[in-house]
Amino acid sequence: ISDDTTPNVTVAWSRMMADTGATAPDPGEKVGDPTTVPDE
């Protein structure tokens, strides 16, 4: 979360384990992509 006046929320890194047991970077959370967090 950036320290801008209006903070930007971005993905720094990601990793996932599928239900098959395979692991890889999460394709739905790519580095630099905006994401969301609760306002608080």
PDB file of all heavy atoms in Angstrom:
ATOM      1  N   ILE A   1       0.868  -1.180   0.000  1.00  0.00           N
ATOM      2  CA  ILE A   1       0.000   0.000   0.000  1.00  0.00           C
ATOM      3  C   ILE A   1       0.905   1.232   0.000  1.00  0.00           C
ATOM      4  O   ILE A   1       1.724   1.415   0.908  1.00  0.00           O
ATOM      5  CB  ILE A   1      -0.922   0.006   1.234  1.00  0.00           C
ATOM      6  CG1 ILE A   1      -1.745  -1.289   1.277  1.00  0.00           C
ATOM      7  CG2 ILE A   1      -1.847   1.218   1.222  1.00  0.00           C
ATOM      8  CD1 ILE A   1      -2.586  -1.447   2.525  1.00  0.00           C
ATOM      9  N   SER A   2       0.776   2.053  -1.029  1.00  0.00           N
ATOM     10  CA  SER A   2       1.655   3.223  -1.171  1.00  0.00           C
ATOM     11  C   SER A   2       1.328   4.270  -0.103  1.00  0.00           C
ATOM     12  O   SER A   2       0.252   4.256   0.503  1.00  0.00           O
ATOM     13  CB  SER A   2       1.503   3.827  -2.565  1.00  0.00           C
ATOM     14  OG  SER A   2       0.238   4.456  -2.689  1.00  0.00           O
ATOM     15  N   ASP A   3       2.277   5.192   0.092  1.00  0.00           N
ATOM     16  CA  ASP A   3       2.064   6.249   1.080  1.00  0.00           C
ATOM     17  C   ASP A   3       1.562   7.539   0.442  1.00  0.00           C
ATOM     18  O   ASP A   3       1.743   8.636   0.981  1.00  0.00           O
ATOM     19  CB  ASP A   3       3.349   6.508   1.872  1.00  0.00           C
ATOM     20  CG  ASP A   3       4.521   6.851   0.972  1.00  0.00           C
ATOM     21  OD1 ASP A   3       4.321   6.917  -0.264  1.00  0.00           O
ATOM     22  OD2 ASP A   3       5.631   7.060   1.494  1.00  0.00           O
ATOM     23  N   ASP A   4       0.936   7.426  -0.733  1.00  0.00           N
ATOM     24  CA  ASP A   4       0.348   8.588  -1.397  1.00  0.00           C
ATOM     25  C   ASP A   4      -0.853   9.105  -0.598  1.00  0.00           C
ATOM     26  O   ASP A   4      -1.378   8.416   0.290  1.00  0.00           O
ATOM     27  CB  ASP A   4      -0.101   8.230  -2.819  1.00  0.00           C
ATOM     28  CG  ASP A   4       1.063   7.772  -3.682  1.00  0.00           C
ATOM     29  OD1 ASP A   4       2.198   8.226  -3.429  1.00  0.00           O
ATOM     30  OD2 ASP A   4       0.832   6.946  -4.588  1.00  0.00           O
ATOM     31  N   THR A   5      -1.273  10.301  -0.939  1.00  0.00           N
ATOM     32  CA  THR A   5      -2.451  10.876  -0.279  1.00  0.00           C
ATOM     33  C   THR A   5      -3.653   9.947  -0.451  1.00  0.00           C
ATOM     34  O   THR A   5      -4.409   9.698   0.498  1.00  0.00           O
ATOM     35  CB  THR A   5      -2.781  12.260  -0.864  1.00  0.00           C
ATOM     36  OG1 THR A   5      -1.629  13.097  -0.751  1.00  0.00           O
ATOM     37  CG2 THR A   5      -3.953  12.885  -0.128  1.00  0.00           C
ATOM     38  N   THR A   6      -3.808   9.454  -1.664  1.00  0.00           N
ATOM     39  CA  THR A   6      -4.794   8.404  -1.931  1.00  0.00           C
ATOM     40  C   THR A   6      -4.004   7.126  -2.177  1.00  0.00           C
ATOM     41  O   THR A   6      -3.459   6.923  -3.270  1.00  0.00           O
ATOM     42  CB  THR A   6      -5.663   8.739  -3.158  1.00  0.00           C
ATOM     43  OG1 THR A   6      -6.331   9.988  -2.938  1.00  0.00           O
ATOM     44  CG2 THR A   6      -6.708   7.649  -3.381  1.00  0.00           C
ATOM     45  N   PRO A   7      -3.870   6.262  -1.181  1.00  0.00           N
ATOM     46  CA  PRO A   7      -2.994   5.094  -1.302  1.00  0.00           C
ATOM     47  C   PRO A   7      -3.381   4.174  -2.455  1.00  0.00           C
ATOM     48  O   PRO A   7      -4.573   3.912  -2.695  1.00  0.00           O
ATOM     49  CB  PRO A   7      -3.183   4.387   0.049  1.00  0.00           C
ATOM     50  CG  PRO A   7      -3.670   5.433   0.975  1.00  0.00           C
ATOM     51  CD  PRO A   7      -4.508   6.346   0.136  1.00  0.00           C
ATOM     52  N   ASN A   8      -2.351   3.736  -3.191  1.00  0.00           N
ATOM     53  CA  ASN A   8      -2.549   2.726  -4.227  1.00  0.00           C
ATOM     54  C   ASN A   8      -2.256   1.344  -3.645  1.00  0.00           C
ATOM     55  O   ASN A   8      -1.249   1.160  -2.957  1.00  0.00           O
ATOM     56  CB  ASN A   8      -1.627   2.988  -5.420  1.00  0.00           C
ATOM     57  CG  ASN A   8      -1.979   4.279  -6.137  1.00  0.00           C
ATOM     58  OD1 ASN A   8      -3.149   4.547  -6.380  1.00  0.00           O
ATOM     59  ND2 ASN A   8      -0.967   5.081  -6.467  1.00  0.00           N
ATOM     60  N   VAL A   9      -3.123   0.418  -3.926  1.00  0.00           N
ATOM     61  CA  VAL A   9      -2.986  -0.946  -3.397  1.00  0.00           C
ATOM     62  C   VAL A   9      -2.630  -1.863  -4.556  1.00  0.00           C
ATOM     63  O   VAL A   9      -3.429  -2.046  -5.485  1.00  0.00           O
ATOM     64  CB  VAL A   9      -4.287  -1.415  -2.718  1.00  0.00           C
ATOM     65  CG1 VAL A   9      -4.102  -2.796  -2.109  1.00  0.00           C
ATOM     66  CG2 VAL A   9      -4.732  -0.415  -1.665  1.00  0.00           C
ATOM     67  N   THR A  10      -1.417  -2.421  -4.523  1.00  0.00           N
ATOM     68  CA  THR A  10      -0.952  -3.261  -5.633  1.00  0.00           C
ATOM     69  C   THR A  10      -0.383  -4.582  -5.130  1.00  0.00           C
ATOM     70  O   THR A  10      -0.005  -4.716  -3.963  1.00  0.00           O
ATOM     71  CB  THR A  10       0.135  -2.529  -6.448  1.00  0.00           C
ATOM     72  OG1 THR A  10       1.195  -2.154  -5.567  1.00  0.00           O
ATOM     73  CG2 THR A  10      -0.434  -1.290  -7.125  1.00  0.00           C
ATOM     74  N   VAL A  11      -0.298  -5.528  -6.054  1.00  0.00           N
ATOM     75  CA  VAL A  11       0.250  -6.846  -5.749  1.00  0.00           C
ATOM     76  C   VAL A  11       1.770  -6.781  -5.787  1.00  0.00           C
ATOM     77  O   VAL A  11       2.360  -6.395  -6.802  1.00  0.00           O
ATOM     78  CB  VAL A  11      -0.261  -7.901  -6.752  1.00  0.00           C
ATOM     79  CG1 VAL A  11       0.399  -9.257  -6.492  1.00  0.00           C
ATOM     80  CG2 VAL A  11      -1.783  -8.024  -6.668  1.00  0.00           C
ATOM     81  N   ALA A  12       2.425  -7.132  -4.688  1.00  0.00           N
ATOM     82  CA  ALA A  12       3.891  -7.169  -4.641  1.00  0.00           C
ATOM     83  C   ALA A  12       4.402  -8.521  -5.117  1.00  0.00           C
ATOM     84  O   ALA A  12       5.426  -8.606  -5.802  1.00  0.00           O
ATOM     85  CB  ALA A  12       4.384  -6.893  -3.226  1.00  0.00           C
ATOM     86  N   TRP A  13       3.728  -9.578  -4.761  1.00  0.00           N
ATOM     87  CA  TRP A  13       4.050 -10.942  -5.202  1.00  0.00           C
ATOM     88  C   TRP A  13       2.868 -11.842  -4.867  1.00  0.00           C
ATOM     89  O   TRP A  13       1.993 -11.468  -4.085  1.00  0.00           O
ATOM     90  CB  TRP A  13       5.332 -11.478  -4.555  1.00  0.00           C
ATOM     91  CG  TRP A  13       5.421 -11.289  -3.062  1.00  0.00           C
ATOM     92  CD1 TRP A  13       6.075 -10.292  -2.394  1.00  0.00           C
ATOM     93  CD2 TRP A  13       4.824 -12.106  -2.044  1.00  0.00           C
ATOM     94  NE1 TRP A  13       5.931 -10.422  -1.037  1.00  0.00           N
ATOM     95  CE2 TRP A  13       5.170 -11.541  -0.790  1.00  0.00           C
ATOM     96  CE3 TRP A  13       4.047 -13.252  -2.055  1.00  0.00           C
ATOM     97  CZ2 TRP A  13       4.753 -12.088   0.423  1.00  0.00           C
ATOM     98  CZ3 TRP A  13       3.631 -13.808  -0.844  1.00  0.00           C
ATOM     99  CH2 TRP A  13       3.978 -13.232   0.374  1.00  0.00           C
ATOM    100  N   SER A  14       2.836 -13.000  -5.475  1.00  0.00           N
ATOM    101  CA  SER A  14       1.744 -13.937  -5.208  1.00  0.00           C
ATOM    102  C   SER A  14       2.214 -15.371  -5.431  1.00  0.00           C
ATOM    103  O   SER A  14       3.182 -15.621  -6.159  1.00  0.00           O
ATOM    104  CB  SER A  14       0.529 -13.640  -6.101  1.00  0.00           C
ATOM    105  OG  SER A  14       0.839 -13.924  -7.462  1.00  0.00           O
ATOM    106  N   ARG A  15       1.515 -16.269  -4.810  1.00  0.00           N
ATOM    107  CA  ARG A  15       1.798 -17.703  -4.962  1.00  0.00           C
ATOM    108  C   ARG A  15       0.513 -18.461  -4.673  1.00  0.00           C
ATOM    109  O   ARG A  15      -0.292 -18.033  -3.833  1.00  0.00           O
ATOM    110  CB  ARG A  15       2.892 -18.139  -3.978  1.00  0.00           C
ATOM    111  CG  ARG A  15       3.475 -19.533  -4.224  1.00  0.00           C
ATOM    112  CD  ARG A  15       4.389 -19.547  -5.404  1.00  0.00           C
ATOM    113  NE  ARG A  15       5.003 -20.862  -5.599  1.00  0.00           N
ATOM    114  CZ  ARG A  15       5.707 -21.183  -6.682  1.00  0.00           C
ATOM    115  NH1 ARG A  15       5.904 -20.291  -7.652  1.00  0.00           N
ATOM    116  NH2 ARG A  15       6.239 -22.390  -6.804  1.00  0.00           N
ATOM    117  N   MET A  16       0.283 -19.537  -5.372  1.00  0.00           N
ATOM    118  CA  MET A  16      -0.933 -20.320  -5.167  1.00  0.00           C
ATOM    119  C   MET A  16      -0.632 -21.809  -5.184  1.00  0.00           C
ATOM    120  O   MET A  16       0.350 -22.261  -5.788  1.00  0.00           O
ATOM    121  CB  MET A  16      -1.984 -20.007  -6.230  1.00  0.00           C
ATOM    122  CG  MET A  16      -1.584 -20.384  -7.644  1.00  0.00           C
ATOM    123  SD  MET A  16      -2.957 -20.268  -8.828  1.00  0.00           S
ATOM    124  CE  MET A  16      -3.905 -21.737  -8.366  1.00  0.00           C
ATOM    125  N   MET A  17      -1.474 -22.555  -4.490  1.00  0.00           N
ATOM    126  CA  MET A  17      -1.455 -24.006  -4.569  1.00  0.00           C
ATOM    127  C   MET A  17      -2.849 -24.443  -4.999  1.00  0.00           C
ATOM    128  O   MET A  17      -3.833 -24.225  -4.280  1.00  0.00           O
ATOM    129  CB  MET A  17      -1.098 -24.642  -3.218  1.00  0.00           C
ATOM    130  CG  MET A  17      -1.166 -26.161  -3.236  1.00  0.00           C
ATOM    131  SD  MET A  17      -0.746 -26.899  -1.628  1.00  0.00           S
ATOM    132  CE  MET A  17       1.036 -26.615  -1.615  1.00  0.00           C
ATOM    133  N   ALA A  18      -2.949 -25.013  -6.193  1.00  0.00           N
ATOM    134  CA  ALA A  18      -4.239 -25.455  -6.709  1.00  0.00           C
ATOM    135  C   ALA A  18      -4.710 -26.690  -5.952  1.00  0.00           C
ATOM    136  O   ALA A  18      -3.935 -27.329  -5.227  1.00  0.00           O
ATOM    137  CB  ALA A  18      -4.132 -25.754  -8.202  1.00  0.00           C
ATOM    138  N   ASP A  19      -5.985 -27.031  -6.130  1.00  0.00           N
ATOM    139  CA  ASP A  19      -6.494 -28.210  -5.438  1.00  0.00           C
ATOM    140  C   ASP A  19      -5.876 -29.500  -5.959  1.00  0.00           C
ATOM    141  O   ASP A  19      -6.020 -30.559  -5.348  1.00  0.00           O
ATOM    142  CB  ASP A  19      -8.024 -28.283  -5.532  1.00  0.00           C
ATOM    143  CG  ASP A  19      -8.531 -28.223  -6.968  1.00  0.00           C
ATOM    144  OD1 ASP A  19      -7.696 -28.278  -7.906  1.00  0.00           O
ATOM    145  OD2 ASP A  19      -9.760 -28.120  -7.154  1.00  0.00           O
ATOM    146  N   THR A  20      -5.162 -29.399  -7.074  1.00  0.00           N
ATOM    147  CA  THR A  20      -4.425 -30.562  -7.590  1.00  0.00           C
ATOM    148  C   THR A  20      -3.089 -30.738  -6.885  1.00  0.00           C
ATOM    149  O   THR A  20      -2.413 -31.744  -7.072  1.00  0.00           O
ATOM    150  CB  THR A  20      -4.180 -30.408  -9.099  1.00  0.00           C
ATOM    151  OG1 THR A  20      -3.429 -29.212  -9.331  1.00  0.00           O
ATOM    152  CG2 THR A  20      -5.505 -30.341  -9.858  1.00  0.00           C
ATOM    153  N   GLY A  21      -2.674 -29.716  -6.106  1.00  0.00           N
ATOM    154  CA  GLY A  21      -1.384 -29.753  -5.424  1.00  0.00           C
ATOM    155  C   GLY A  21      -0.298 -28.992  -6.159  1.00  0.00           C
ATOM    156  O   GLY A  21       0.794 -28.788  -5.626  1.00  0.00           O
ATOM    157  N   ALA A  22      -0.587 -28.549  -7.404  1.00  0.00           N
ATOM    158  CA  ALA A  22       0.405 -27.811  -8.192  1.00  0.00           C
ATOM    159  C   ALA A  22       0.553 -26.393  -7.644  1.00  0.00           C
ATOM    160  O   ALA A  22      -0.424 -25.762  -7.249  1.00  0.00           O
ATOM    161  CB  ALA A  22      -0.012 -27.764  -9.656  1.00  0.00           C
ATOM    162  N   THR A  23       1.805 -25.897  -7.625  1.00  0.00           N
ATOM    163  CA  THR A  23       2.077 -24.549  -7.127  1.00  0.00           C
ATOM    164  C   THR A  23       2.660 -23.691  -8.240  1.00  0.00           C
ATOM    165  O   THR A  23       3.386 -24.180  -9.107  1.00  0.00           O
ATOM    166  CB  THR A  23       3.070 -24.592  -5.951  1.00  0.00           C
ATOM    167  OG1 THR A  23       4.279 -25.253  -6.364  1.00  0.00           O
ATOM    168  CG2 THR A  23       2.465 -25.335  -4.762  1.00  0.00           C
ATOM    169  N   ALA A  24       2.327 -22.395  -8.195  1.00  0.00           N
ATOM    170  CA  ALA A  24       2.796 -21.455  -9.219  1.00  0.00           C
ATOM    171  C   ALA A  24       2.412 -20.047  -8.789  1.00  0.00           C
ATOM    172  O   ALA A  24       1.602 -19.877  -7.876  1.00  0.00           O
ATOM    173  CB  ALA A  24       2.162 -21.787 -10.575  1.00  0.00           C
ATOM    174  N   PRO A  25       3.012 -19.017  -9.432  1.00  0.00           N
ATOM    175  CA  PRO A  25       2.518 -17.659  -9.191  1.00  0.00           C
ATOM    176  C   PRO A  25       1.035 -17.587  -9.542  1.00  0.00           C
ATOM    177  O   PRO A  25       0.588 -18.228 -10.494  1.00  0.00           O
ATOM    178  CB  PRO A  25       3.368 -16.811 -10.142  1.00  0.00           C
ATOM    179  CG  PRO A  25       4.618 -17.607 -10.338  1.00  0.00           C
ATOM    180  CD  PRO A  25       4.186 -19.037 -10.328  1.00  0.00           C
ATOM    181  N   ASP A  26       0.265 -16.844  -8.777  1.00  0.00           N
ATOM    182  CA  ASP A  26      -1.177 -16.757  -8.990  1.00  0.00           C
ATOM    183  C   ASP A  26      -1.465 -15.940 -10.248  1.00  0.00           C
ATOM    184  O   ASP A  26      -1.177 -14.742 -10.288  1.00  0.00           O
ATOM    185  CB  ASP A  26      -1.837 -16.103  -7.771  1.00  0.00           C
ATOM    186  CG  ASP A  26      -3.352 -16.215  -7.796  1.00  0.00           C
ATOM    187  OD1 ASP A  26      -3.903 -16.457  -8.877  1.00  0.00           O
ATOM    188  OD2 ASP A  26      -3.971 -16.061  -6.724  1.00  0.00           O
ATOM    189  N   PRO A  27      -2.032 -16.556 -11.293  1.00  0.00           N
ATOM    190  CA  PRO A  27      -2.291 -15.805 -12.527  1.00  0.00           C
ATOM    191  C   PRO A  27      -3.333 -14.714 -12.346  1.00  0.00           C
ATOM    192  O   PRO A  27      -3.395 -13.770 -13.136  1.00  0.00           O
ATOM    193  CB  PRO A  27      -2.795 -16.886 -13.499  1.00  0.00           C
ATOM    194  CG  PRO A  27      -3.316 -17.980 -12.615  1.00  0.00           C
ATOM    195  CD  PRO A  27      -2.459 -17.964 -11.391  1.00  0.00           C
ATOM    196  N   GLY A  28      -4.137 -14.802 -11.325  1.00  0.00           N
ATOM    197  CA  GLY A  28      -5.134 -13.780 -11.076  1.00  0.00           C
ATOM    198  C   GLY A  28      -4.620 -12.621 -10.245  1.00  0.00           C
ATOM    199  O   GLY A  28      -5.335 -11.638 -10.032  1.00  0.00           O
ATOM    200  N   GLU A  29      -3.381 -12.723  -9.749  1.00  0.00           N
ATOM    201  CA  GLU A  29      -2.778 -11.669  -8.920  1.00  0.00           C
ATOM    202  C   GLU A  29      -1.354 -11.427  -9.416  1.00  0.00           C
ATOM    203  O   GLU A  29      -0.377 -11.821  -8.794  1.00  0.00           O
ATOM    204  CB  GLU A  29      -2.762 -12.081  -7.443  1.00  0.00           C
ATOM    205  CG  GLU A  29      -4.128 -12.315  -6.837  1.00  0.00           C
ATOM    206  CD  GLU A  29      -4.873 -11.017  -6.518  1.00  0.00           C
ATOM    207  OE1 GLU A  29      -4.272  -9.932  -6.694  1.00  0.00           O
ATOM    208  OE2 GLU A  29      -6.033 -11.083  -6.106  1.00  0.00           O
ATOM    209  N   LYS A  30      -1.219 -10.774 -10.553  1.00  0.00           N
ATOM    210  CA  LYS A  30       0.092 -10.525 -11.135  1.00  0.00           C
ATOM    211  C   LYS A  30       0.772  -9.332 -10.456  1.00  0.00           C
ATOM    212  O   LYS A  30       0.109  -8.414  -9.989  1.00  0.00           O
ATOM    213  CB  LYS A  30      -0.047 -10.265 -12.634  1.00  0.00           C
ATOM    214  CG  LYS A  30      -0.574 -11.473 -13.400  1.00  0.00           C
ATOM    215  CD  LYS A  30      -0.698 -11.157 -14.884  1.00  0.00           C
ATOM    216  CE  LYS A  30      -1.234 -12.377 -15.643  1.00  0.00           C
ATOM    217  NZ  LYS A  30      -1.399 -12.099 -17.099  1.00  0.00           N
ATOM    218  N   VAL A  31       2.098  -9.386 -10.411  1.00  0.00           N
ATOM    219  CA  VAL A  31       2.878  -8.324  -9.768  1.00  0.00           C
ATOM    220  C   VAL A  31       2.569  -6.979 -10.420  1.00  0.00           C
ATOM    221  O   VAL A  31       2.599  -6.838 -11.649  1.00  0.00           O
ATOM    222  CB  VAL A  31       4.389  -8.620  -9.869  1.00  0.00           C
ATOM    223  CG1 VAL A  31       5.196  -7.467  -9.288  1.00  0.00           C
ATOM    224  CG2 VAL A  31       4.713  -9.918  -9.142  1.00  0.00           C
ATOM    225  N   GLY A  32       2.277  -5.992  -9.582  1.00  0.00           N
ATOM    226  CA  GLY A  32       1.963  -4.657 -10.066  1.00  0.00           C
ATOM    227  C   GLY A  32       0.499  -4.410 -10.335  1.00  0.00           C
ATOM    228  O   GLY A  32       0.082  -3.261 -10.499  1.00  0.00           O
ATOM    229  N   ASP A  33      -0.291  -5.465 -10.391  1.00  0.00           N
ATOM    230  CA  ASP A  33      -1.724  -5.287 -10.633  1.00  0.00           C
ATOM    231  C   ASP A  33      -2.406  -4.658  -9.414  1.00  0.00           C
ATOM    232  O   ASP A  33      -2.026  -4.944  -8.270  1.00  0.00           O
ATOM    233  CB  ASP A  33      -2.391  -6.636 -10.920  1.00  0.00           C
ATOM    234  CG  ASP A  33      -2.130  -7.123 -12.334  1.00  0.00           C
ATOM    235  OD1 ASP A  33      -1.507  -6.377 -13.106  1.00  0.00           O
ATOM    236  OD2 ASP A  33      -2.541  -8.259 -12.647  1.00  0.00           O
ATOM    237  N   PRO A  34      -3.399  -3.811  -9.645  1.00  0.00           N
ATOM    238  CA  PRO A  34      -4.150  -3.274  -8.501  1.00  0.00           C
ATOM    239  C   PRO A  34      -4.984  -4.374  -7.851  1.00  0.00           C
ATOM    240  O   PRO A  34      -5.431  -5.311  -8.524  1.00  0.00           O
ATOM    241  CB  PRO A  34      -5.040  -2.205  -9.142  1.00  0.00           C
ATOM    242  CG  PRO A  34      -5.173  -2.615 -10.577  1.00  0.00           C
ATOM    243  CD  PRO A  34      -3.879  -3.294 -10.936  1.00  0.00           C
ATOM    244  N   THR A  35      -5.175  -4.269  -6.573  1.00  0.00           N
ATOM    245  CA  THR A  35      -6.014  -5.226  -5.849  1.00  0.00           C
ATOM    246  C   THR A  35      -6.794  -4.461  -4.792  1.00  0.00           C
ATOM    247  O   THR A  35      -6.680  -3.232  -4.694  1.00  0.00           O
ATOM    248  CB  THR A  35      -5.158  -6.353  -5.227  1.00  0.00           C
ATOM    249  OG1 THR A  35      -6.023  -7.369  -4.687  1.00  0.00           O
ATOM    250  CG2 THR A  35      -4.246  -5.828  -4.142  1.00  0.00           C
ATOM    251  N   THR A  36      -7.572  -5.148  -4.028  1.00  0.00           N
ATOM    252  CA  THR A  36      -8.416  -4.484  -3.035  1.00  0.00           C
ATOM    253  C   THR A  36      -8.157  -5.058  -1.645  1.00  0.00           C
ATOM    254  O   THR A  36      -7.813  -6.223  -1.497  1.00  0.00           O
ATOM    255  CB  THR A  36      -9.908  -4.653  -3.374  1.00  0.00           C
ATOM    256  OG1 THR A  36     -10.227  -6.057  -3.443  1.00  0.00           O
ATOM    257  CG2 THR A  36     -10.228  -4.002  -4.706  1.00  0.00           C
ATOM    258  N   VAL A  37      -8.339  -4.209  -0.656  1.00  0.00           N
ATOM    259  CA  VAL A  37      -8.277  -4.616   0.748  1.00  0.00           C
ATOM    260  C   VAL A  37      -9.404  -3.880   1.477  1.00  0.00           C
ATOM    261  O   VAL A  37      -9.907  -2.866   0.988  1.00  0.00           O
ATOM    262  CB  VAL A  37      -6.919  -4.271   1.404  1.00  0.00           C
ATOM    263  CG1 VAL A  37      -5.779  -4.999   0.709  1.00  0.00           C
ATOM    264  CG2 VAL A  37      -6.684  -2.772   1.405  1.00  0.00           C
ATOM    265  N   PRO A  38      -9.824  -4.369   2.625  1.00  0.00           N
ATOM    266  CA  PRO A  38     -10.845  -3.643   3.384  1.00  0.00           C
ATOM    267  C   PRO A  38     -10.387  -2.223   3.704  1.00  0.00           C
ATOM    268  O   PRO A  38      -9.201  -1.968   3.923  1.00  0.00           O
ATOM    269  CB  PRO A  38     -10.978  -4.479   4.665  1.00  0.00           C
ATOM    270  CG  PRO A  38     -10.545  -5.851   4.261  1.00  0.00           C
ATOM    271  CD  PRO A  38      -9.463  -5.651   3.253  1.00  0.00           C
ATOM    272  N   ASP A  39     -11.323  -1.285   3.709  1.00  0.00           N
ATOM    273  CA  ASP A  39     -10.991   0.135   3.925  1.00  0.00           C
ATOM    274  C   ASP A  39     -10.235   0.369   5.227  1.00  0.00           C
ATOM    275  O   ASP A  39      -9.332   1.207   5.288  1.00  0.00           O
ATOM    276  CB  ASP A  39     -12.276   0.972   3.920  1.00  0.00           C
ATOM    277  CG  ASP A  39     -12.891   1.066   2.532  1.00  0.00           C
ATOM    278  OD1 ASP A  39     -12.174   0.845   1.544  1.00  0.00           O
ATOM    279  OD2 ASP A  39     -14.108   1.342   2.442  1.00  0.00           O
ATOM    280  N   GLU A  40     -10.584  -0.395   6.269  1.00  0.00           N
ATOM    281  CA  GLU A  40      -9.927  -0.177   7.557  1.00  0.00           C
ATOM    282  C   GLU A  40      -8.464  -0.625   7.547  1.00  0.00           C
ATOM    283  O   GLU A  40      -7.692  -0.285   8.447  1.00  0.00           O
ATOM    284  CB  GLU A  40     -10.680  -0.901   8.673  1.00  0.00           C
ATOM    285  CG  GLU A  40     -10.810  -2.401   8.512  1.00  0.00           C
ATOM    286  CD  GLU A  40     -12.058  -2.811   7.763  1.00  0.00           C
ATOM    287  OE1 GLU A  40     -12.621  -1.966   7.020  1.00  0.00           O
ATOM    288  OE2 GLU A  40     -12.477  -3.970   7.914  1.00  0.00           O
TER     289      GLU A  40
END
